[in-house]
Amino acid sequence: MKITFLGGVGTVTGSKYLIDAGSTRVLVDCGLFQGFKNLRLRNWEPLPVDPATIQAVVLTHAHLDHSGYLPLLVKNGFKGNVVCSEATRDLCDILLPDSGFLQEKDAEFANRHGFSKHKPALPLYTQRDARTALEHFRPFPFRRESKPVAGMKVRFLQAGHILGASIVEVECDGVKLVFSGDLGRYHDAIMVDPTPIERADYLIVESTYGDRRHDQEDPQDALADIVSRTIGRGGSVIVPAFAVGRAQSVMFHLMRLKSEGRIPADLPVFLDSPMAINASQVFCDHMKEHRLTAAQCHAACDVACYVREAEESKALDADPMPKIIISASGMATGGRVLHHLKHYAPDHRNTVLFTGFQAGGTRGAAMMGGAESVKIHGQSIPVKAEVANLQMLSAHADGDQILDWLGHFRAPPRLTFVTHGEPAASDALRRRIEEELNWPCRVPDYRDEASLQ
């Protein structure tokens, strides 16, 4: 048996891990590459393995860097089942068609305005492709054993990252592999703690924040300060937020701030993302996966006015009233938030407020790095607004929290693979695991193979 790393190494995107046991071939995660152009181009290259030979896909969670390649996998010949947790299935039902829709719209916009080098620009996949992929999903409850293919057992355990996010246990040929997926944080205001794991023969662990510690400042204090400062100078706050998880977290904190009188109760808040709106409903449908009561969940969702139609979205930019606009995507890589950034980023009165990790090569990373302008829809847009990041809202465990989670293992795995991190973060976590736990550890490269015996 061997594992091949087809993504999610050297980067936080494109997660794909191929388990090959001769007669059994299963892909764990099936994500899109995002960020730097050389990474995004991998989405257009043929997958190094024929999709028709993959018998099943196991998803750790719904974020597109873990699920967003599925429509293309199916389009190119995959015919097996996609197994995942129940909330992951519900969220993918929202995210994947939206991803296809945005890619169609981006291609259409590029063709209409002539800024693409490709004639014509084409989407990677369409809404129809995404809906076809969803027909392959087979969800399972947490902790219930599933058998996606003969000779393999899979179990999903709560990871605490977003709804449905799973630590995945895979047993095949007498070998137990554990995939951390994206680990959540301990004592989060909303999500549950990641499930402790006691044993694995091989461990694949994420390292997004493997080289740092999260800011310990109260996110509500930081958010209240930024909002008050911005509206005090007559500006608006634009929040590029991941539609699943982060948007709901921001709304929860805004609800608390309004109820406590720390920001004006009548300050307009708009959730301008049909995908985030639908995800908020899923949030309230899966009450056992987070810490909020039903009343808190509904109050958080009610703090914002929902903006579904494109014309309503455009009207927000025409209204000079100070406001908060929460809109996808979290790294400003696509979606409606780009139109808001074109309007609000050039004005020093406004604030662009990111809420977590910004992968290299994204507009979010450029703006956080102090870029004086960013390219949006072929135009160079000046960045004169204040740019801030509430990194303490990140849904990823930091280096210390990952080590805390690893501390529950009763014995070292035979080998631990450190993945899903940029090079410095992955290497920092590798060193800590080797030095503090004395475990054998490795940081794989793209397309590396490893024997599992």
Protein backbone atom coordinates (compact mmCIF):
# COMPACT_ATOMS: atom_id res chain seq x y z
CA MET A 1 0.00 0.00 0.00
CA LYS A 2 1.22 3.50 -0.77
CA ILE A 3 0.06 7.10 -0.51
CA THR A 4 0.68 9.73 -3.20
CA PHE A 5 0.45 13.44 -2.40
CA LEU A 6 -1.37 15.09 -5.31
CA GLY A 7 -2.06 18.37 -3.53
CA GLY A 8 -2.18 20.08 -0.16
CA VAL A 9 1.63 19.99 0.16
CA GLY A 10 3.79 23.08 -0.09
CA THR A 11 0.51 25.01 -0.08
CA VAL A 12 -2.77 25.19 1.83
CA THR A 13 -4.86 24.38 -1.24
CA GLY A 14 -5.58 21.55 -3.65
CA SER A 15 -5.71 18.79 -1.01
CA LYS A 16 -5.64 15.34 -2.65
CA TYR A 17 -4.15 12.19 -1.12
CA LEU A 18 -4.28 8.96 -3.13
CA ILE A 19 -4.29 5.65 -1.23
CA ASP A 20 -3.32 2.81 -3.55
CA ALA A 21 -3.50 -0.75 -2.24
CA GLY A 22 -3.28 -2.55 -5.55
CA SER A 23 -6.89 -3.52 -6.08
CA THR A 24 -8.07 -0.53 -4.00
CA ARG A 25 -7.59 3.07 -5.06
CA VAL A 26 -9.22 5.81 -2.96
CA LEU A 27 -8.72 9.58 -2.97
CA VAL A 28 -8.90 11.43 0.34
CA ASP A 29 -10.04 14.99 -0.43
CA CYS A 30 -10.41 16.43 -3.90
CA GLY A 31 -9.65 20.13 -3.66
CA LEU A 32 -9.00 23.03 -5.99
CA PHE A 33 -5.63 24.74 -6.11
CA GLN A 34 -5.86 28.46 -5.33
CA GLY A 35 -3.45 31.37 -4.99
CA PHE A 36 -0.32 31.61 -7.12
CA LYS A 37 -0.83 31.17 -10.86
CA ASN A 38 1.49 28.16 -11.06
CA LEU A 39 -0.78 26.44 -8.52
CA ARG A 40 -4.03 27.44 -10.22
CA LEU A 41 -2.73 26.08 -13.51
CA ARG A 42 -2.59 22.62 -11.92
CA ASN A 43 -6.40 22.64 -11.93
CA TRP A 44 -6.28 22.65 -15.72
CA GLU A 45 -3.65 19.92 -16.06
CA PRO A 46 -4.68 16.26 -16.33
CA LEU A 47 -4.78 14.60 -12.92
CA PRO A 48 -1.66 12.39 -12.54
CA VAL A 49 -4.00 9.41 -12.05
CA ASP A 50 -6.88 8.42 -14.35
CA PRO A 51 -10.10 9.46 -12.52
CA ALA A 52 -11.85 6.36 -13.89
CA THR A 53 -9.50 4.15 -11.86
CA ILE A 54 -10.35 5.83 -8.54
CA GLN A 55 -13.02 3.77 -6.76
CA ALA A 56 -14.11 6.27 -4.09
CA VAL A 57 -13.44 9.71 -2.67
CA VAL A 58 -13.40 10.44 1.07
CA LEU A 59 -13.94 14.11 2.01
CA THR A 60 -12.69 15.66 5.24
CA HIS A 61 -14.89 18.75 4.78
CA ALA A 62 -16.64 21.03 2.31
CA HIS A 63 -14.26 23.95 1.73
CA LEU A 64 -13.33 24.20 -1.93
CA ASP A 65 -9.63 23.60 -1.30
CA HIS A 66 -10.76 20.13 -0.19
CA SER A 67 -13.85 19.47 -2.35
CA GLY A 68 -13.81 21.89 -5.29
CA TYR A 69 -12.15 19.60 -7.85
CA LEU A 70 -14.89 16.95 -7.57
CA PRO A 71 -17.02 18.20 -10.50
CA LEU A 72 -14.00 17.95 -12.77
CA LEU A 73 -13.08 14.52 -11.41
CA VAL A 74 -16.58 13.26 -12.26
CA LYS A 75 -16.55 15.03 -15.62
CA ASN A 76 -13.28 13.26 -16.45
CA GLY A 77 -14.50 9.76 -15.66
CA PHE A 78 -14.82 9.13 -11.91
CA LYS A 79 -17.82 6.86 -11.27
CA GLY A 80 -17.51 5.92 -7.59
CA ASN A 81 -19.07 7.19 -4.38
CA VAL A 82 -18.06 10.28 -2.43
CA VAL A 83 -18.32 9.56 1.31
CA CYS A 84 -18.39 12.33 3.89
CA SER A 85 -20.23 13.57 6.97
CA GLU A 86 -23.85 14.66 6.68
CA ALA A 87 -23.18 18.40 7.11
CA THR A 88 -20.38 18.18 4.54
CA ARG A 89 -22.89 16.84 2.02
CA ASP A 90 -25.32 19.66 2.84
CA LEU A 91 -22.61 22.31 2.46
CA CYS A 92 -21.21 20.86 -0.77
CA ASP A 93 -24.75 21.06 -2.13
CA ILE A 94 -24.29 24.83 -1.78
CA LEU A 95 -20.59 25.33 -2.47
CA LEU A 96 -20.03 23.21 -5.57
CA PRO A 97 -22.84 24.62 -7.76
CA ASP A 98 -21.87 28.11 -6.61
CA SER A 99 -18.27 27.42 -7.62
CA GLY A 100 -19.43 26.32 -11.06
CA PHE A 101 -21.67 29.39 -11.33
CA LEU A 102 -18.83 31.76 -10.41
CA GLN A 103 -16.47 30.13 -12.89
CA GLU A 104 -19.07 30.48 -15.63
CA LYS A 105 -19.64 34.13 -14.69
CA ASP A 106 -15.92 34.89 -14.52
CA ALA A 107 -15.40 33.39 -17.97
CA GLU A 108 -18.37 35.32 -19.31
CA PHE A 109 -17.09 38.57 -17.77
CA ALA A 110 -13.59 37.99 -19.16
CA ASN A 111 -14.98 37.37 -22.64
CA ARG A 112 -17.27 40.39 -22.47
CA HIS A 113 -14.49 42.74 -21.40
CA GLY A 114 -11.68 41.08 -23.35
CA PHE A 115 -9.09 40.84 -20.54
CA SER A 116 -8.44 37.09 -20.75
CA LYS A 117 -5.49 35.73 -22.73
CA HIS A 118 -7.71 32.81 -23.79
CA LYS A 119 -10.13 33.23 -26.70
CA PRO A 120 -12.68 32.35 -25.54
CA ALA A 121 -12.16 32.04 -21.78
CA LEU A 122 -13.81 28.86 -20.52
CA PRO A 123 -14.92 27.80 -17.04
CA LEU A 124 -13.06 24.94 -15.36
CA TYR A 125 -16.49 23.37 -14.86
CA THR A 126 -20.13 24.46 -14.83
CA GLN A 127 -23.07 24.42 -12.45
CA ARG A 128 -24.38 21.36 -14.28
CA ASP A 129 -21.07 19.56 -13.76
CA ALA A 130 -21.28 20.35 -10.05
CA ARG A 131 -24.83 19.03 -9.71
CA THR A 132 -23.82 15.84 -11.51
CA ALA A 133 -20.99 15.39 -9.01
CA LEU A 134 -23.41 15.76 -6.10
CA GLU A 135 -25.26 12.64 -7.26
CA HIS A 136 -22.22 10.61 -6.17
CA PHE A 137 -22.37 11.71 -2.51
CA ARG A 138 -23.09 9.17 0.24
CA PRO A 139 -23.11 10.88 3.67
CA PHE A 140 -22.55 9.09 6.98
CA PRO A 141 -23.09 10.18 10.59
CA PHE A 142 -20.07 10.88 12.77
CA ARG A 143 -18.50 7.78 14.36
CA ARG A 144 -20.45 5.32 12.21
CA GLU A 145 -18.21 3.00 10.22
CA SER A 146 -18.58 3.04 6.44
CA LYS A 147 -17.05 0.82 3.77
CA PRO A 148 -16.57 2.92 0.62
CA VAL A 149 -14.83 0.01 -1.15
CA ALA A 150 -14.25 -3.64 -0.32
CA GLY A 151 -11.48 -4.09 2.22
CA MET A 152 -11.52 -0.50 3.52
CA LYS A 153 -13.23 0.94 6.60
CA VAL A 154 -13.70 4.69 7.15
CA ARG A 155 -14.90 6.62 10.18
CA PHE A 156 -15.56 10.36 10.53
CA LEU A 157 -14.85 12.18 13.81
CA GLN A 158 -15.52 15.85 14.53
CA ALA A 159 -12.59 18.14 13.77
CA GLY A 160 -14.22 21.38 14.99
CA HIS A 161 -13.10 23.40 11.95
CA ILE A 162 -16.44 24.06 10.25
CA LEU A 163 -19.76 22.21 10.15
CA GLY A 164 -19.14 18.65 9.06
CA ALA A 165 -15.35 18.95 9.24
CA SER A 166 -13.89 15.56 10.00
CA ILE A 167 -10.83 13.81 11.23
CA VAL A 168 -10.88 10.68 9.07
CA GLU A 169 -9.78 7.23 10.20
CA VAL A 170 -9.03 4.85 7.32
CA GLU A 171 -8.26 1.14 7.86
CA CYS A 172 -7.03 -0.95 4.94
CA ASP A 173 -4.93 -4.13 4.80
CA GLY A 174 -4.50 -4.02 8.57
CA VAL A 175 -3.03 -0.50 8.47
CA LYS A 176 -4.70 2.47 10.15
CA LEU A 177 -4.27 5.94 8.62
CA VAL A 178 -5.56 9.09 10.29
CA PHE A 179 -6.12 12.28 8.30
CA SER A 180 -6.51 15.33 10.54
CA GLY A 181 -8.27 17.31 7.83
CA ASP A 182 -8.37 20.92 8.94
CA LEU A 183 -8.24 20.95 12.74
CA GLY A 184 -10.36 23.42 14.64
CA ARG A 185 -9.36 25.29 17.77
CA TYR A 186 -9.84 24.40 21.39
CA HIS A 187 -12.33 26.53 23.37
CA ASP A 188 -13.68 28.25 20.26
CA ALA A 189 -16.72 30.46 20.89
CA ILE A 190 -18.80 28.54 18.36
CA MET A 191 -17.30 25.23 17.22
CA VAL A 192 -16.65 22.12 19.32
CA ASP A 193 -13.14 20.93 20.17
CA PRO A 194 -11.38 18.52 17.77
CA THR A 195 -11.87 14.87 18.73
CA PRO A 196 -8.83 13.34 20.49
CA ILE A 197 -7.18 10.43 18.66
CA GLU A 198 -5.14 7.77 20.47
CA ARG A 199 -3.64 5.63 17.71
CA ALA A 200 -2.58 5.59 14.09
CA ASP A 201 -0.02 3.67 12.09
CA TYR A 202 0.36 6.68 9.81
CA LEU A 203 -0.78 10.25 10.44
CA ILE A 204 -1.38 13.01 7.90
CA VAL A 205 -1.64 16.30 9.82
CA GLU A 206 -2.32 19.82 8.61
CA SER A 207 0.08 22.72 9.33
CA THR A 208 -1.68 25.89 8.14
CA TYR A 209 -0.60 27.76 11.27
CA GLY A 210 2.21 25.38 12.21
CA ASP A 211 4.72 28.21 12.61
CA ARG A 212 2.71 30.64 14.73
CA ARG A 213 0.44 31.26 17.67
CA HIS A 214 -2.94 32.94 17.34
CA ASP A 215 -3.42 36.42 18.71
CA GLN A 216 -5.02 36.10 22.15
CA GLU A 217 -6.92 39.38 21.87
CA ASP A 218 -10.69 39.00 22.26
CA PRO A 219 -12.10 39.07 18.69
CA GLN A 220 -15.08 41.13 19.85
CA ASP A 221 -12.78 43.81 21.27
CA ALA A 222 -10.81 43.96 18.02
CA LEU A 223 -13.95 43.95 15.88
CA ALA A 224 -15.61 46.66 17.97
CA ASP A 225 -12.52 48.88 17.67
CA ILE A 226 -12.28 48.48 13.88
CA VAL A 227 -15.99 49.07 13.28
CA SER A 228 -16.13 52.12 15.59
CA ARG A 229 -12.99 53.62 14.06
CA THR A 230 -14.26 53.15 10.51
CA ILE A 231 -17.79 54.49 10.93
CA GLY A 232 -16.33 57.35 12.96
CA ARG A 233 -14.63 58.62 9.81
CA GLY A 234 -17.73 58.00 7.70
CA GLY A 235 -16.52 54.79 6.12
CA SER A 236 -17.80 51.26 5.59
CA VAL A 237 -16.30 47.92 6.59
CA ILE A 238 -15.96 45.32 3.83
CA VAL A 239 -15.44 41.81 5.16
CA PRO A 240 -14.23 39.21 2.65
CA ALA A 241 -15.29 36.08 4.53
CA PHE A 242 -15.45 32.39 3.77
CA ALA A 243 -19.13 31.68 3.20
CA VAL A 244 -19.02 28.59 5.38
CA GLY A 245 -17.97 29.12 8.96
CA ARG A 246 -16.32 32.52 8.95
CA ALA A 247 -19.35 34.51 7.78
CA GLN A 248 -21.46 32.96 10.54
CA SER A 249 -18.73 33.62 13.12
CA VAL A 250 -18.54 37.30 12.15
CA MET A 251 -22.33 37.62 12.38
CA PHE A 252 -22.30 36.02 15.84
CA HIS A 253 -19.74 38.53 17.12
CA LEU A 254 -21.58 41.46 15.53
CA MET A 255 -24.80 40.28 17.16
CA ARG A 256 -23.05 40.23 20.55
CA LEU A 257 -21.57 43.69 20.02
CA LYS A 258 -24.92 45.17 19.05
CA SER A 259 -26.74 43.55 21.96
CA GLU A 260 -24.11 44.90 24.37
CA GLY A 261 -24.29 48.39 22.86
CA ARG A 262 -20.65 48.39 21.80
CA ILE A 263 -21.50 49.25 18.20
CA PRO A 264 -24.66 51.08 17.06
CA ALA A 265 -27.71 48.82 17.06
CA ASP A 266 -28.92 50.46 13.85
CA LEU A 267 -25.62 50.07 11.94
CA PRO A 268 -26.65 48.23 8.74
CA VAL A 269 -25.06 44.81 8.26
CA PHE A 270 -25.45 43.04 4.92
CA LEU A 271 -24.64 39.43 4.12
CA ASP A 272 -24.03 39.69 0.39
CA SER A 273 -23.49 36.08 -0.61
CA PRO A 274 -26.28 33.69 -1.56
CA MET A 275 -23.92 30.87 -0.66
CA ALA A 276 -23.26 32.25 2.84
CA ILE A 277 -26.99 32.84 3.32
CA ASN A 278 -27.75 29.22 2.51
CA ALA A 279 -24.85 28.03 4.65
CA SER A 280 -26.26 29.99 7.59
CA GLN A 281 -29.45 27.94 7.33
CA VAL A 282 -27.41 24.73 7.33
CA PHE A 283 -25.67 26.04 10.45
CA CYS A 284 -29.02 26.20 12.24
CA ASP A 285 -29.96 22.74 10.92
CA HIS A 286 -26.97 21.03 12.58
CA MET A 287 -27.25 22.18 16.17
CA LYS A 288 -25.20 19.31 17.61
CA GLU A 289 -22.07 20.36 15.72
CA HIS A 290 -21.51 23.72 17.46
CA ARG A 291 -21.87 25.34 20.85
CA LEU A 292 -24.65 27.84 20.11
CA THR A 293 -28.19 27.49 21.36
CA ALA A 294 -31.01 27.66 18.85
CA ALA A 295 -31.80 31.20 20.06
CA GLN A 296 -28.19 32.33 19.62
CA CYS A 297 -27.94 30.71 16.21
CA HIS A 298 -31.07 32.44 14.91
CA ALA A 299 -30.10 35.78 16.51
CA ALA A 300 -26.70 35.65 14.80
CA CYS A 301 -28.30 34.93 11.44
CA ASP A 302 -30.84 37.73 11.96
CA VAL A 303 -28.19 40.41 12.59
CA ALA A 304 -27.69 40.86 8.83
CA CYS A 305 -29.91 41.81 5.94
CA TYR A 306 -29.63 39.07 3.32
CA VAL A 307 -28.70 40.17 -0.20
CA ARG A 308 -29.51 37.54 -2.80
CA GLU A 309 -29.98 39.42 -6.07
CA ALA A 310 -27.14 40.96 -8.07
CA GLU A 311 -28.99 44.26 -8.44
CA GLU A 312 -29.37 44.53 -4.67
CA SER A 313 -25.65 43.91 -4.34
CA LYS A 314 -24.84 46.70 -6.78
CA ALA A 315 -27.15 49.06 -4.90
CA LEU A 316 -25.01 48.67 -1.77
CA ASP A 317 -22.11 50.37 -3.52
CA ALA A 318 -24.32 53.27 -4.61
CA ASP A 319 -25.43 53.99 -1.03
CA PRO A 320 -22.91 56.24 0.83
CA MET A 321 -24.26 55.33 4.29
CA PRO A 322 -21.66 53.66 6.58
CA LYS A 323 -22.33 49.94 6.71
CA ILE A 324 -20.80 46.51 7.11
CA ILE A 325 -20.80 44.22 4.07
CA ILE A 326 -19.88 40.57 4.59
CA SER A 327 -19.26 38.89 1.25
CA ALA A 328 -17.41 35.87 -0.12
CA SER A 329 -14.65 34.95 -0.82
CA GLY A 330 -12.38 34.92 2.23
CA MET A 331 -9.15 35.57 0.32
CA ALA A 332 -10.78 37.90 -2.23
CA THR A 333 -10.22 35.41 -5.04
CA GLY A 334 -13.67 35.72 -6.59
CA GLY A 335 -17.34 36.43 -6.07
CA ARG A 336 -19.29 39.58 -5.28
CA VAL A 337 -16.73 40.89 -2.83
CA LEU A 338 -14.52 41.82 -5.79
CA HIS A 339 -17.07 44.36 -6.98
CA HIS A 340 -17.25 45.84 -3.48
CA LEU A 341 -13.46 46.04 -3.28
CA LYS A 342 -13.35 47.91 -6.58
CA HIS A 343 -15.69 50.50 -5.07
CA TYR A 344 -14.50 50.73 -1.44
CA ALA A 345 -10.76 49.95 -1.49
CA PRO A 346 -9.73 53.26 -3.11
CA ASP A 347 -11.31 55.34 -0.27
CA HIS A 348 -9.22 55.91 2.88
CA ARG A 349 -12.34 56.16 5.05
CA ASN A 350 -13.20 52.50 4.53
CA THR A 351 -11.73 49.31 6.00
CA VAL A 352 -11.17 45.99 4.28
CA LEU A 353 -11.31 43.44 7.10
CA PHE A 354 -9.98 39.94 6.47
CA THR A 355 -10.78 37.19 8.93
CA GLY A 356 -8.11 34.54 8.71
CA PHE A 357 -5.33 32.94 6.69
CA GLN A 358 -4.47 34.51 3.33
CA ALA A 359 -2.71 32.07 1.00
CA GLY A 360 0.24 33.33 -1.02
CA GLY A 361 -0.71 34.63 -4.44
CA THR A 362 -4.21 35.73 -3.42
CA ARG A 363 -5.48 39.31 -3.40
CA GLY A 364 -5.95 38.97 0.34
CA ALA A 365 -2.27 38.16 0.85
CA ALA A 366 -1.26 41.05 -1.41
CA MET A 367 -3.44 43.54 0.47
CA MET A 368 -2.25 42.28 3.86
CA GLY A 369 1.30 42.64 2.54
CA GLY A 370 0.74 46.35 1.91
CA ALA A 371 0.08 46.31 -1.84
CA GLU A 372 -0.77 49.79 -3.11
CA SER A 373 -3.02 48.30 -5.77
CA VAL A 374 -4.54 44.95 -6.75
CA LYS A 375 -5.77 43.73 -10.11
CA ILE A 376 -9.51 43.00 -10.26
CA HIS A 377 -11.27 42.11 -13.52
CA GLY A 378 -8.29 43.29 -15.50
CA GLN A 379 -8.13 46.68 -13.78
CA SER A 380 -5.55 47.97 -11.32
CA ILE A 381 -7.51 49.09 -8.24
CA PRO A 382 -5.78 51.44 -5.74
CA VAL A 383 -5.81 50.28 -2.12
CA LYS A 384 -6.16 53.32 0.11
CA ALA A 385 -8.60 51.85 2.60
CA GLU A 386 -7.37 50.58 5.94
CA VAL A 387 -6.58 46.86 5.69
CA ALA A 388 -6.83 44.65 8.78
CA ASN A 389 -7.08 40.97 9.62
CA LEU A 390 -8.82 39.35 12.58
CA GLN A 391 -6.53 36.32 12.55
CA MET A 392 -7.86 35.31 15.96
CA LEU A 393 -11.06 34.35 14.11
CA SER A 394 -9.20 31.68 12.16
CA ALA A 395 -10.90 28.30 12.27
CA HIS A 396 -7.51 26.50 12.17
CA ALA A 397 -5.57 25.28 15.19
CA ASP A 398 -2.25 27.07 15.65
CA GLY A 399 1.06 25.31 16.28
CA ASP A 400 0.51 24.93 20.02
CA GLN A 401 -3.02 23.59 19.55
CA ILE A 402 -1.86 21.05 16.96
CA LEU A 403 0.75 19.82 19.45
CA ASP A 404 -1.97 19.62 22.12
CA TRP A 405 -4.06 17.44 19.80
CA LEU A 406 -1.08 15.22 19.00
CA GLY A 407 -0.49 14.82 22.73
CA HIS A 408 -3.51 12.50 22.98
CA PHE A 409 -1.75 9.77 20.99
CA ARG A 410 -0.68 6.90 23.26
CA ALA A 411 2.18 5.91 20.97
CA PRO A 412 3.94 7.60 18.04
CA PRO A 413 2.68 6.77 14.54
CA ARG A 414 5.19 4.91 12.41
CA LEU A 415 5.46 8.09 10.37
CA THR A 416 3.75 11.47 10.46
CA PHE A 417 3.31 13.42 7.23
CA VAL A 418 3.01 17.20 7.68
CA THR A 419 0.80 18.64 4.94
CA HIS A 420 -1.57 21.53 4.11
CA GLY A 421 0.82 24.34 4.91
CA GLU A 422 3.13 26.74 3.17
CA PRO A 423 6.77 25.59 3.33
CA ALA A 424 7.85 27.57 6.41
CA ALA A 425 4.78 26.53 8.41
CA SER A 426 5.08 22.84 7.53
CA ASP A 427 8.78 22.73 8.31
CA ALA A 428 8.29 24.53 11.62
CA LEU A 429 5.67 22.00 12.69
CA ARG A 430 7.89 19.12 11.55
CA ARG A 431 10.71 20.38 13.76
CA ARG A 432 8.42 20.73 16.76
CA ILE A 433 7.00 17.21 16.32
CA GLU A 434 10.49 15.73 16.01
CA GLU A 435 12.00 17.71 18.88
CA GLU A 436 9.10 17.86 21.35
CA LEU A 437 7.45 14.49 20.70
CA ASN A 438 10.41 12.58 19.25
CA TRP A 439 8.22 11.23 16.45
CA PRO A 440 9.51 10.34 12.96
CA CYS A 441 8.19 13.02 10.67
CA ARG A 442 8.28 14.07 7.02
CA VAL A 443 7.13 17.00 4.89
CA PRO A 444 6.19 15.55 1.48
CA ASP A 445 6.45 17.38 -1.84
CA TYR A 446 3.94 17.50 -4.68
CA ARG A 447 3.49 14.05 -6.25
CA ASP A 448 5.70 12.33 -3.67
CA GLU A 449 4.90 8.69 -2.94
CA ALA A 450 5.37 6.84 0.33
CA SER A 451 5.09 3.15 1.12
CA LEU A 452 2.75 2.24 3.99
CA GLN A 453 3.70 -1.09 5.55
